[in-house]
Amino acid sequence: MVYFWVIIAYLIVLIGVGAYRSKYVRTQDDFMVAGRSLSTRVLIGTLLATWIGSGSIIAGAGLAYDQGLPALWFSAGVWVALIVMYFVAGRARALAQYTVPDILEIRYNKWARVLGTIVTVIAYTAIVSYQFRAGGMVLNLITGISIEQGIIITAVFVIGYTVLAGMISVAYTDVVNGIIMVIGLLIALPFLLSNAGGWSGVVSRLPETRFQLLGELTLLKALGYSLPAMLLLLGESGMYQRFFSAKDEGTAKRAVGGWIVGTIAIETLIIVLAVIGSSLFTDIKSEMVILHAVRHGLPIVVGCLCLAAIVAVIVSTADSFLLVPATNLMRDIYQRFINPDLPQKKMVLYLRIVVVLLGALAFVQVRFFERILEMAIYAYTMYGVGITPAVMAAFFWKRATAAAGVSSIAAGMVTTIIWEVLRQPWDIPTVYPALGLSLFCLIFISLVTARPGDDKWKPFFVQSHDMRR
């Protein structure tokens, strides 16, 4: 039970931080974008802690348990996306908006905003849903309570924490979560490696394919893991919301540099830990490998630190992905179309109510998928093919038109839903037909419709004085 109490103590500390920070939340700027005040170090911490969630620790590690080092294909797409984002971050901050649908309306039209919000709500509540499941798995492992009960506890905590203080609280606690995560995983590596008899011991216990470039994966399947994650990150709303929260454009760009280094190091470390765990524990569920290795393969002090780190990143990811669609619904639908003169105090109150409602929606979705990897790929694909092509065109292609942007979003969203309902015909991953149709609509319709006016693309291509310094 010592593991349980350590985690409870840690969560109480987070609640305390959220309660303290809540007194600084007076406007939508405070709740949505932390008053546009975040420094480079805080941004690096919150970007890392948000991205490295159960998608990495549960889904990515589970893939590594089954496939070995080729599971790095799941992360490789993210690394490519991060390099692209280095050239976008400053320009995104210069726009000084609140949400990705803000970007979509500026570049295209109001219908792009509406469709962008719908896609975000669908994809992000699914992502929050599997964070709830991951939390339930952790609590099941350390306390013996059922996964279902653990899911309820996780959901209640995440929703309550997000309601308290929004981005201003999430960002600062993410820094602490990120530090604990890195320390915990680094300490775990030598202990697990020693238990396995060194790297040579790991290699001797596992098939040779676990250490090859593709292993048992086909290139089509490997890219089917890489592309959804890459596409999600290129358009990821929580990331842009953090760029909007930066002090200035230079801060946002510098933060991405640190984020690149941290993400590559941590995701590689997680995969290596999972491979070592697969050589030690041969009769467990694949997605439990990191949790099982931490609980049964490490000294109790190290195990407590690592489990606290795991809970930290699950919470960080869940609250961030819950805050984004709540912001979208209030900012991009209610405030934009229904009540543009909404007072700031009511805006914050309504945001908190929407957080609770979306948390409940995420909780309902838990039962739709058996494995976190399946949920992650579905959510990544839905958002990545629906939003990302239009967002990337906004920053890199002056010729993209309003009709093309709207059509691209709609095609990506609808194709993803249909292909998933049909259970991926011919065993073709959903990302291929969905991305293909989304890009076709974006490119073809842009080329056959009138060029957009300069006012549509100039805000995305003109750098501020701060960026040129």
Protein backbone atom coordinates (compact mmCIF):
# COMPACT_ATOMS: atom_id res chain seq x y z
CA MET A 1 0.00 0.00 0.00
CA VAL A 2 2.99 2.32 0.22
CA TYR A 3 2.75 2.87 -3.57
CA PHE A 4 -0.87 3.90 -3.18
CA TRP A 5 -0.17 6.45 -0.46
CA VAL A 6 2.78 7.96 -2.30
CA ILE A 7 0.59 8.51 -5.36
CA ILE A 8 -2.28 9.90 -3.26
CA ALA A 9 0.13 12.32 -1.57
CA TYR A 10 1.41 13.44 -4.94
CA LEU A 11 -2.10 14.01 -6.28
CA ILE A 12 -3.00 16.02 -3.18
CA VAL A 13 0.01 18.26 -3.85
CA LEU A 14 -1.23 18.80 -7.42
CA ILE A 15 -4.69 19.70 -6.14
CA GLY A 16 -3.09 22.17 -3.74
CA VAL A 17 -1.16 23.81 -6.58
CA GLY A 18 -4.32 24.00 -8.67
CA ALA A 19 -6.28 25.55 -5.81
CA TYR A 20 -3.53 28.11 -5.18
CA ARG A 21 -3.24 29.04 -8.84
CA SER A 22 -7.02 29.32 -9.23
CA LYS A 23 -7.00 32.68 -7.43
CA TYR A 24 -5.07 34.12 -10.39
CA VAL A 25 -7.76 33.08 -12.89
CA ARG A 26 -9.93 36.10 -13.62
CA THR A 27 -10.22 36.21 -17.41
CA GLN A 28 -10.35 33.85 -20.37
CA ASP A 29 -6.72 34.79 -21.10
CA ASP A 30 -5.75 33.40 -17.68
CA PHE A 31 -7.77 30.20 -18.08
CA MET A 32 -7.03 29.50 -21.76
CA VAL A 33 -3.50 30.80 -22.35
CA ALA A 34 -2.03 31.48 -18.87
CA GLY A 35 -2.15 35.23 -19.41
CA ARG A 36 0.37 34.83 -22.29
CA SER A 37 3.15 34.80 -19.68
CA LEU A 38 4.99 31.46 -19.94
CA SER A 39 8.78 31.39 -20.10
CA THR A 40 10.92 29.08 -22.24
CA ARG A 41 11.63 26.67 -19.38
CA VAL A 42 7.99 26.42 -18.36
CA LEU A 43 6.95 25.89 -21.98
CA ILE A 44 9.47 23.07 -22.45
CA GLY A 45 8.22 21.36 -19.30
CA THR A 46 4.55 21.63 -20.16
CA LEU A 47 5.06 20.54 -23.79
CA LEU A 48 7.03 17.47 -22.69
CA ALA A 49 4.67 16.44 -19.89
CA THR A 50 1.64 16.87 -22.13
CA TRP A 51 2.93 14.84 -25.05
CA ILE A 52 4.55 12.00 -23.07
CA GLY A 53 1.36 10.49 -21.72
CA SER A 54 -0.18 7.04 -21.73
CA GLY A 55 0.12 7.03 -25.52
CA SER A 56 3.86 6.61 -24.93
CA ILE A 57 4.00 4.81 -21.57
CA ILE A 58 1.15 2.37 -22.23
CA ALA A 59 0.50 2.17 -26.00
CA GLY A 60 4.06 2.73 -27.26
CA ALA A 61 5.53 0.50 -24.56
CA GLY A 62 2.95 -2.19 -25.34
CA LEU A 63 3.99 -2.12 -28.98
CA ALA A 64 7.63 -2.45 -27.90
CA TYR A 65 6.72 -5.46 -25.76
CA ASP A 66 5.26 -7.15 -28.85
CA GLN A 67 7.65 -5.89 -31.54
CA GLY A 68 10.84 -4.73 -29.82
CA LEU A 69 12.84 -1.71 -31.03
CA PRO A 70 10.77 -1.39 -34.26
CA ALA A 71 8.18 0.21 -31.94
CA LEU A 72 10.27 3.35 -32.39
CA TRP A 73 8.33 3.78 -35.64
CA PHE A 74 5.43 4.85 -33.39
CA SER A 75 7.60 7.74 -32.12
CA ALA A 76 9.56 8.55 -35.28
CA GLY A 77 6.70 10.46 -36.89
CA VAL A 78 6.56 12.71 -33.83
CA TRP A 79 10.25 13.55 -34.15
CA VAL A 80 9.76 14.64 -37.77
CA ALA A 81 6.76 16.75 -36.75
CA LEU A 82 8.74 18.49 -34.02
CA ILE A 83 11.34 19.67 -36.51
CA VAL A 84 8.59 21.19 -38.65
CA MET A 85 7.06 22.85 -35.59
CA TYR A 86 10.32 24.65 -34.88
CA PHE A 87 9.58 26.78 -37.94
CA VAL A 88 5.90 27.30 -37.02
CA ALA A 89 6.00 28.09 -33.29
CA GLY A 90 7.08 31.72 -33.53
CA ARG A 91 4.63 32.57 -36.29
CA ALA A 92 1.83 30.87 -34.37
CA ARG A 93 2.59 32.98 -31.28
CA ALA A 94 2.65 36.15 -33.41
CA LEU A 95 -1.02 35.50 -34.27
CA ALA A 96 -1.84 35.80 -30.52
CA GLN A 97 -5.02 33.72 -30.78
CA TYR A 98 -6.50 31.15 -28.39
CA THR A 99 -7.29 28.01 -30.41
CA VAL A 100 -6.55 26.18 -33.65
CA PRO A 101 -10.11 26.92 -34.91
CA ASP A 102 -9.17 30.62 -34.50
CA ILE A 103 -6.38 29.94 -36.99
CA LEU A 104 -8.74 28.10 -39.31
CA GLU A 105 -11.24 30.96 -39.48
CA ILE A 106 -8.55 33.60 -40.03
CA ARG A 107 -7.08 31.56 -42.91
CA TYR A 108 -10.29 30.07 -44.34
CA ASN A 109 -13.76 30.91 -42.98
CA LYS A 110 -16.21 30.37 -40.13
CA TRP A 111 -17.19 26.89 -41.37
CA ALA A 112 -13.59 25.77 -41.03
CA ARG A 113 -13.78 26.96 -37.42
CA VAL A 114 -16.94 24.96 -36.77
CA LEU A 115 -15.68 21.76 -38.39
CA GLY A 116 -12.32 22.14 -36.63
CA THR A 117 -14.09 22.32 -33.30
CA ILE A 118 -16.15 19.21 -34.04
CA VAL A 119 -13.07 17.20 -35.02
CA THR A 120 -11.21 18.37 -31.92
CA VAL A 121 -14.01 17.40 -29.55
CA ILE A 122 -14.29 13.92 -31.09
CA ALA A 123 -10.55 13.22 -31.10
CA TYR A 124 -9.58 14.85 -27.81
CA THR A 125 -12.29 13.28 -25.69
CA ALA A 126 -11.08 9.92 -27.03
CA ILE A 127 -7.54 10.80 -25.94
CA VAL A 128 -8.76 11.83 -22.49
CA SER A 129 -10.70 8.58 -22.36
CA TYR A 130 -7.63 6.40 -22.68
CA GLN A 131 -5.80 8.49 -20.10
CA PHE A 132 -8.63 7.53 -17.73
CA ARG A 133 -8.11 3.88 -18.65
CA ALA A 134 -4.37 4.17 -18.08
CA GLY A 135 -4.98 5.68 -14.65
CA GLY A 136 -7.31 2.81 -13.85
CA MET A 137 -4.62 0.33 -14.87
CA VAL A 138 -2.09 1.96 -12.53
CA LEU A 139 -4.48 1.95 -9.58
CA ASN A 140 -5.44 -1.66 -10.30
CA LEU A 141 -1.79 -2.67 -10.25
CA ILE A 142 -0.88 -0.99 -6.98
CA THR A 143 -4.09 -1.42 -4.95
CA GLY A 144 -5.92 -4.40 -6.41
CA ILE A 145 -9.10 -2.41 -7.02
CA SER A 146 -10.79 -3.11 -10.33
CA ILE A 147 -9.70 -1.19 -13.41
CA GLU A 148 -13.25 0.19 -13.66
CA GLN A 149 -13.04 1.66 -10.16
CA GLY A 150 -9.59 3.04 -10.96
CA ILE A 151 -10.98 4.69 -14.09
CA ILE A 152 -13.66 6.44 -12.04
CA ILE A 153 -11.12 7.72 -9.50
CA THR A 154 -8.82 8.97 -12.26
CA ALA A 155 -11.66 10.68 -14.10
CA VAL A 156 -12.90 12.47 -10.99
CA PHE A 157 -9.42 13.72 -10.15
CA VAL A 158 -8.54 14.88 -13.67
CA ILE A 159 -11.84 16.70 -14.17
CA GLY A 160 -11.62 18.38 -10.76
CA TYR A 161 -8.03 19.43 -11.27
CA THR A 162 -8.66 20.89 -14.73
CA VAL A 163 -11.71 22.81 -13.49
CA LEU A 164 -9.67 24.56 -10.80
CA ALA A 165 -7.29 26.77 -12.73
CA GLY A 166 -7.07 25.93 -16.41
CA MET A 167 -3.83 26.53 -18.33
CA ILE A 168 -2.17 28.70 -15.68
CA SER A 169 -2.17 25.75 -13.26
CA VAL A 170 -1.61 22.99 -15.79
CA ALA A 171 1.52 24.60 -17.24
CA TYR A 172 3.38 25.10 -13.97
CA THR A 173 2.60 21.67 -12.52
CA ASP A 174 3.65 20.13 -15.84
CA VAL A 175 7.19 21.36 -15.18
CA VAL A 176 7.33 19.40 -11.91
CA ASN A 177 5.69 16.39 -13.56
CA GLY A 178 8.24 16.46 -16.37
CA ILE A 179 11.18 16.57 -13.96
CA ILE A 180 9.83 13.66 -11.89
CA MET A 181 9.15 11.66 -15.06
CA VAL A 182 12.71 12.06 -16.38
CA ILE A 183 14.33 11.28 -13.02
CA GLY A 184 12.13 8.23 -12.43
CA LEU A 185 12.73 6.68 -15.84
CA LEU A 186 16.48 7.35 -15.77
CA ILE A 187 16.82 5.70 -12.37
CA ALA A 188 14.74 2.71 -13.51
CA LEU A 189 17.01 1.94 -16.49
CA PRO A 190 20.13 0.64 -14.68
CA PHE A 191 18.05 -1.39 -12.19
CA LEU A 192 16.06 -3.18 -14.90
CA LEU A 193 19.11 -3.66 -17.07
CA SER A 194 20.95 -5.24 -14.14
CA ASN A 195 18.02 -7.59 -13.46
CA ALA A 196 18.13 -8.69 -17.09
CA GLY A 197 21.86 -9.46 -16.97
CA GLY A 198 22.83 -6.44 -19.05
CA TRP A 199 21.92 -5.68 -22.66
CA SER A 200 23.47 -8.96 -23.78
CA GLY A 201 21.06 -10.76 -21.47
CA VAL A 202 18.11 -8.92 -23.04
CA VAL A 203 19.27 -9.80 -26.56
CA SER A 204 19.77 -13.46 -25.66
CA ARG A 205 16.18 -13.83 -24.42
CA LEU A 206 14.38 -12.21 -27.33
CA PRO A 207 13.98 -13.04 -31.04
CA GLU A 208 16.41 -11.36 -33.42
CA THR A 209 13.55 -9.52 -35.13
CA ARG A 210 13.05 -7.42 -31.98
CA PHE A 211 16.28 -5.57 -32.79
CA GLN A 212 15.85 -5.03 -36.55
CA LEU A 213 14.66 -1.91 -38.36
CA LEU A 214 11.19 -3.25 -39.20
CA GLY A 215 11.20 -6.56 -37.33
CA GLU A 216 7.90 -8.33 -37.97
CA LEU A 217 6.25 -5.14 -39.24
CA THR A 218 5.71 -4.37 -42.91
CA LEU A 219 6.66 -0.89 -44.07
CA LEU A 220 2.95 -0.16 -44.63
CA LYS A 221 2.18 -1.12 -41.03
CA ALA A 222 5.16 0.77 -39.63
CA LEU A 223 4.12 3.96 -41.40
CA GLY A 224 0.57 3.27 -40.23
CA TYR A 225 1.91 3.79 -36.70
CA SER A 226 4.14 6.78 -37.57
CA LEU A 227 1.81 8.88 -39.68
CA PRO A 228 -1.12 9.32 -37.23
CA ALA A 229 1.19 10.50 -34.45
CA MET A 230 3.06 12.84 -36.80
CA LEU A 231 -0.14 14.31 -38.20
CA LEU A 232 -1.66 14.77 -34.75
CA LEU A 233 1.33 16.71 -33.46
CA LEU A 234 1.61 18.97 -36.51
CA GLY A 235 -1.86 20.33 -35.80
CA GLU A 236 -2.20 19.55 -32.09
CA SER A 237 -4.40 22.18 -30.45
CA GLY A 238 -2.85 21.88 -27.00
CA MET A 239 0.56 22.62 -28.47
CA TYR A 240 -0.67 25.72 -30.29
CA GLN A 241 -2.48 26.82 -27.15
CA ARG A 242 0.87 26.65 -25.36
CA PHE A 243 2.54 28.64 -28.13
CA PHE A 244 -0.19 31.26 -27.65
CA SER A 245 0.65 31.18 -23.90
CA ALA A 246 4.32 32.10 -24.45
CA LYS A 247 5.68 35.51 -23.51
CA ASP A 248 6.64 36.18 -27.12
CA GLU A 249 7.50 34.56 -30.45
CA GLY A 250 11.15 33.94 -29.58
CA THR A 251 10.18 32.14 -26.39
CA ALA A 252 7.86 29.81 -28.31
CA LYS A 253 10.53 28.94 -30.89
CA ARG A 254 13.25 28.30 -28.30
CA ALA A 255 10.92 26.06 -26.34
CA VAL A 256 10.43 23.79 -29.35
CA GLY A 257 14.20 23.27 -29.55
CA GLY A 258 14.23 21.93 -25.98
CA TRP A 259 11.08 19.94 -26.65
CA ILE A 260 12.71 18.15 -29.60
CA VAL A 261 15.68 16.98 -27.52
CA GLY A 262 13.55 15.95 -24.54
CA THR A 263 10.96 14.05 -26.56
CA ILE A 264 13.47 12.01 -28.55
CA ALA A 265 15.37 11.09 -25.37
CA ILE A 266 12.33 10.19 -23.26
CA GLU A 267 10.40 8.26 -25.91
CA THR A 268 13.51 6.23 -26.79
CA LEU A 269 14.07 5.53 -23.10
CA ILE A 270 10.49 4.29 -22.70
CA ILE A 271 10.85 1.91 -25.66
CA VAL A 272 14.17 0.56 -24.32
CA LEU A 273 12.64 0.02 -20.86
CA ALA A 274 9.72 -1.84 -22.43
CA VAL A 275 12.08 -4.08 -24.45
CA ILE A 276 14.04 -4.90 -21.28
CA GLY A 277 10.76 -5.59 -19.50
CA SER A 278 9.64 -7.93 -22.28
CA SER A 279 12.75 -10.03 -21.64
CA LEU A 280 11.99 -10.27 -17.91
CA PHE A 281 8.19 -10.68 -17.83
CA THR A 282 6.77 -13.05 -20.42
CA ASP A 283 3.23 -13.70 -19.17
CA ILE A 284 1.70 -10.25 -18.78
CA LYS A 285 -0.51 -8.03 -20.93
CA SER A 286 1.76 -6.13 -23.30
CA GLU A 287 0.46 -2.68 -22.40
CA MET A 288 1.22 -3.33 -18.72
CA VAL A 289 4.94 -3.83 -19.30
CA ILE A 290 6.22 -0.51 -17.90
CA LEU A 291 3.79 -0.62 -14.99
CA HIS A 292 4.67 -4.23 -14.21
CA ALA A 293 8.41 -3.57 -14.49
CA VAL A 294 8.17 -0.60 -12.14
CA ARG A 295 6.02 -2.45 -9.60
CA HIS A 296 7.85 -5.79 -9.57
CA GLY A 297 11.31 -5.11 -11.00
CA LEU A 298 12.54 -2.16 -8.93
CA PRO A 299 13.31 -1.41 -5.26
CA ILE A 300 10.32 0.10 -3.51
CA VAL A 301 11.74 3.64 -3.31
CA VAL A 302 12.60 3.71 -7.01
CA GLY A 303 9.28 2.07 -7.84
CA CYS A 304 7.37 4.75 -5.93
CA LEU A 305 9.20 7.52 -7.78
CA CYS A 306 8.55 5.90 -11.16
CA LEU A 307 4.86 5.29 -10.46
CA ALA A 308 4.49 8.88 -9.31
CA ALA A 309 6.11 9.90 -12.61
CA ILE A 310 3.70 7.74 -14.60
CA VAL A 311 0.67 9.11 -12.78
CA ALA A 312 2.07 12.61 -13.30
CA VAL A 313 2.26 12.31 -17.07
CA ILE A 314 -1.14 10.64 -17.32
CA VAL A 315 -2.67 13.51 -15.37
CA SER A 316 -0.74 16.13 -17.36
CA THR A 317 -1.88 14.70 -20.68
CA ALA A 318 -5.48 14.19 -19.57
CA ASP A 319 -6.01 17.67 -18.18
CA SER A 320 -4.39 19.30 -21.21
CA PHE A 321 -6.48 17.33 -23.71
CA LEU A 322 -9.60 18.07 -21.66
CA LEU A 323 -8.91 21.80 -21.50
CA VAL A 324 -8.51 22.17 -25.28
CA PRO A 325 -11.99 21.04 -26.46
CA ALA A 326 -13.61 22.97 -23.61
CA THR A 327 -11.80 26.07 -24.84
CA ASN A 328 -12.89 25.29 -28.40
CA LEU A 329 -16.56 24.93 -27.55
CA MET A 330 -16.68 28.13 -25.53
CA ARG A 331 -14.38 30.27 -27.66
CA ASP A 332 -15.12 28.92 -31.13
CA ILE A 333 -18.84 28.16 -30.88
CA TYR A 334 -20.54 29.88 -27.95
CA GLN A 335 -18.56 33.13 -27.84
CA ARG A 336 -18.09 33.35 -31.61
CA PHE A 337 -21.65 32.66 -32.74
CA ILE A 338 -24.03 32.82 -29.76
CA ASN A 339 -22.88 35.32 -27.15
CA PRO A 340 -19.88 37.41 -28.27
CA ASP A 341 -20.35 39.88 -25.39
CA LEU A 342 -20.12 37.24 -22.67
CA PRO A 343 -18.59 38.77 -19.48
CA GLN A 344 -15.20 37.38 -18.46
CA LYS A 345 -16.39 35.94 -15.14
CA LYS A 346 -19.20 34.05 -16.84
CA MET A 347 -16.79 32.88 -19.52
CA VAL A 348 -14.56 31.24 -16.89
CA LEU A 349 -17.59 29.75 -15.11
CA TYR A 350 -18.98 28.29 -18.34
CA LEU A 351 -15.55 26.94 -19.28
CA ARG A 352 -15.47 25.01 -16.02
CA ILE A 353 -18.94 23.60 -16.62
CA VAL A 354 -17.95 22.49 -20.13
CA VAL A 355 -14.82 20.79 -18.73
CA VAL A 356 -17.07 18.67 -16.50
CA LEU A 357 -19.41 17.77 -19.37
CA LEU A 358 -16.57 16.81 -21.71
CA GLY A 359 -14.94 14.79 -18.92
CA ALA A 360 -18.18 12.84 -18.61
CA LEU A 361 -18.23 12.28 -22.39
CA ALA A 362 -14.66 10.97 -22.27
CA PHE A 363 -15.61 8.63 -19.44
CA VAL A 364 -18.43 7.15 -21.54
CA GLN A 365 -16.00 6.39 -24.39
CA VAL A 366 -13.73 4.19 -22.25
CA ARG A 367 -15.72 1.07 -23.11
CA PHE A 368 -15.45 1.48 -26.90
CA PHE A 369 -11.89 0.17 -27.26
CA GLU A 370 -10.11 -2.77 -25.65
CA ARG A 371 -6.54 -1.51 -26.03
CA ILE A 372 -5.08 1.94 -25.52
CA LEU A 373 -3.03 1.57 -28.73
CA GLU A 374 -6.25 1.19 -30.75
CA MET A 375 -7.78 4.27 -29.09
CA ALA A 376 -4.61 6.29 -29.67
CA ILE A 377 -4.35 5.46 -33.38
CA TYR A 378 -8.05 6.27 -33.91
CA ALA A 379 -7.83 9.61 -32.11
CA TYR A 380 -4.52 10.58 -33.72
CA THR A 381 -5.90 9.76 -37.16
CA MET A 382 -9.18 11.60 -36.66
CA TYR A 383 -7.43 14.80 -35.69
CA GLY A 384 -4.36 14.42 -37.86
CA VAL A 385 -6.17 13.97 -41.18
CA GLY A 386 -9.03 16.31 -40.28
CA ILE A 387 -7.14 19.33 -38.98
CA THR A 388 -3.44 19.11 -39.80
CA PRO A 389 -3.45 19.43 -43.62
CA ALA A 390 -5.49 22.64 -43.39
CA VAL A 391 -3.31 24.03 -40.56
CA MET A 392 -0.04 23.26 -42.34
CA ALA A 393 -1.37 24.82 -45.54
CA ALA A 394 -2.19 27.96 -43.56
CA PHE A 395 1.49 28.37 -42.63
CA PHE A 396 3.18 27.04 -45.77
CA TRP A 397 0.91 27.42 -48.84
CA LYS A 398 -0.41 30.80 -49.88
CA ARG A 399 -2.59 29.25 -52.61
CA ALA A 400 -4.85 27.29 -50.20
CA THR A 401 -8.45 28.52 -50.47
CA ALA A 402 -11.37 28.62 -48.07
CA ALA A 403 -13.40 26.01 -49.97
CA ALA A 404 -10.39 23.68 -50.04
CA GLY A 405 -9.70 24.06 -46.33
CA VAL A 406 -13.29 23.30 -45.34
CA SER A 407 -13.50 20.34 -47.74
CA SER A 408 -10.20 18.93 -46.47
CA ILE A 409 -11.37 18.98 -42.85
CA ALA A 410 -14.73 17.40 -43.70
CA ALA A 411 -13.18 14.71 -45.93
CA GLY A 412 -10.63 13.68 -43.30
CA MET A 413 -13.20 13.48 -40.52
CA VAL A 414 -15.88 11.60 -42.47
CA THR A 415 -13.45 9.13 -44.06
CA THR A 416 -11.93 8.28 -40.69
CA ILE A 417 -15.34 7.53 -39.21
CA ILE A 418 -16.46 5.43 -42.19
CA TRP A 419 -13.21 3.44 -42.41
CA GLU A 420 -13.30 2.68 -38.68
CA VAL A 421 -16.96 1.63 -38.84
CA LEU A 422 -16.06 -0.72 -41.72
CA ARG A 423 -13.18 -2.06 -39.55
CA GLN A 424 -10.42 -1.07 -41.96
CA PRO A 425 -11.27 -2.97 -45.18
CA TRP A 426 -8.47 -4.98 -46.81
CA ASP A 427 -6.47 -4.41 -43.61
CA ILE A 428 -5.50 -0.94 -44.81
CA PRO A 429 -4.86 1.46 -41.86
CA THR A 430 -7.40 4.27 -41.72
CA VAL A 431 -4.76 6.96 -42.06
CA TYR A 432 -4.07 6.15 -45.73
CA PRO A 433 -7.53 6.66 -47.29
CA ALA A 434 -8.41 9.46 -44.86
CA LEU A 435 -5.20 11.41 -45.44
CA GLY A 436 -5.37 10.79 -49.18
CA LEU A 437 -8.86 12.27 -49.51
CA SER A 438 -8.06 15.15 -47.18
CA LEU A 439 -4.99 16.14 -49.20
CA PHE A 440 -6.79 15.64 -52.52
CA CYS A 441 -9.55 18.03 -51.49
CA LEU A 442 -7.06 20.56 -50.16
CA ILE A 443 -4.85 20.58 -53.26
CA PHE A 444 -7.35 20.01 -56.07
CA ILE A 445 -10.01 22.43 -54.85
CA SER A 446 -7.37 25.08 -54.14
CA LEU A 447 -6.11 24.83 -57.71
CA VAL A 448 -9.57 25.06 -59.33
CA THR A 449 -10.92 27.91 -57.18
CA ALA A 450 -9.93 31.59 -57.12
CA ARG A 451 -6.76 32.54 -55.24
CA PRO A 452 -7.33 33.83 -51.71
CA GLY A 453 -6.83 37.52 -51.02
CA ASP A 454 -3.59 38.71 -49.47
CA ASP A 455 -5.38 39.41 -46.19
CA LYS A 456 -5.98 35.66 -45.80
CA TRP A 457 -2.38 34.45 -45.99
CA LYS A 458 -0.23 37.44 -44.96
CA PRO A 459 -0.76 37.06 -41.17
CA PHE A 460 0.83 33.58 -41.41
CA PHE A 461 3.91 34.61 -43.39
CA VAL A 462 4.93 37.99 -41.94
CA GLN A 463 7.36 37.73 -39.04
CA SER A 464 7.28 40.25 -36.22
CA HIS A 465 10.28 42.33 -35.15
CA ASP A 466 10.73 39.97 -32.18
CA MET A 467 11.14 36.99 -34.50
CA ARG A 468 13.78 38.76 -36.64
CA ARG A 469 15.99 39.82 -33.77
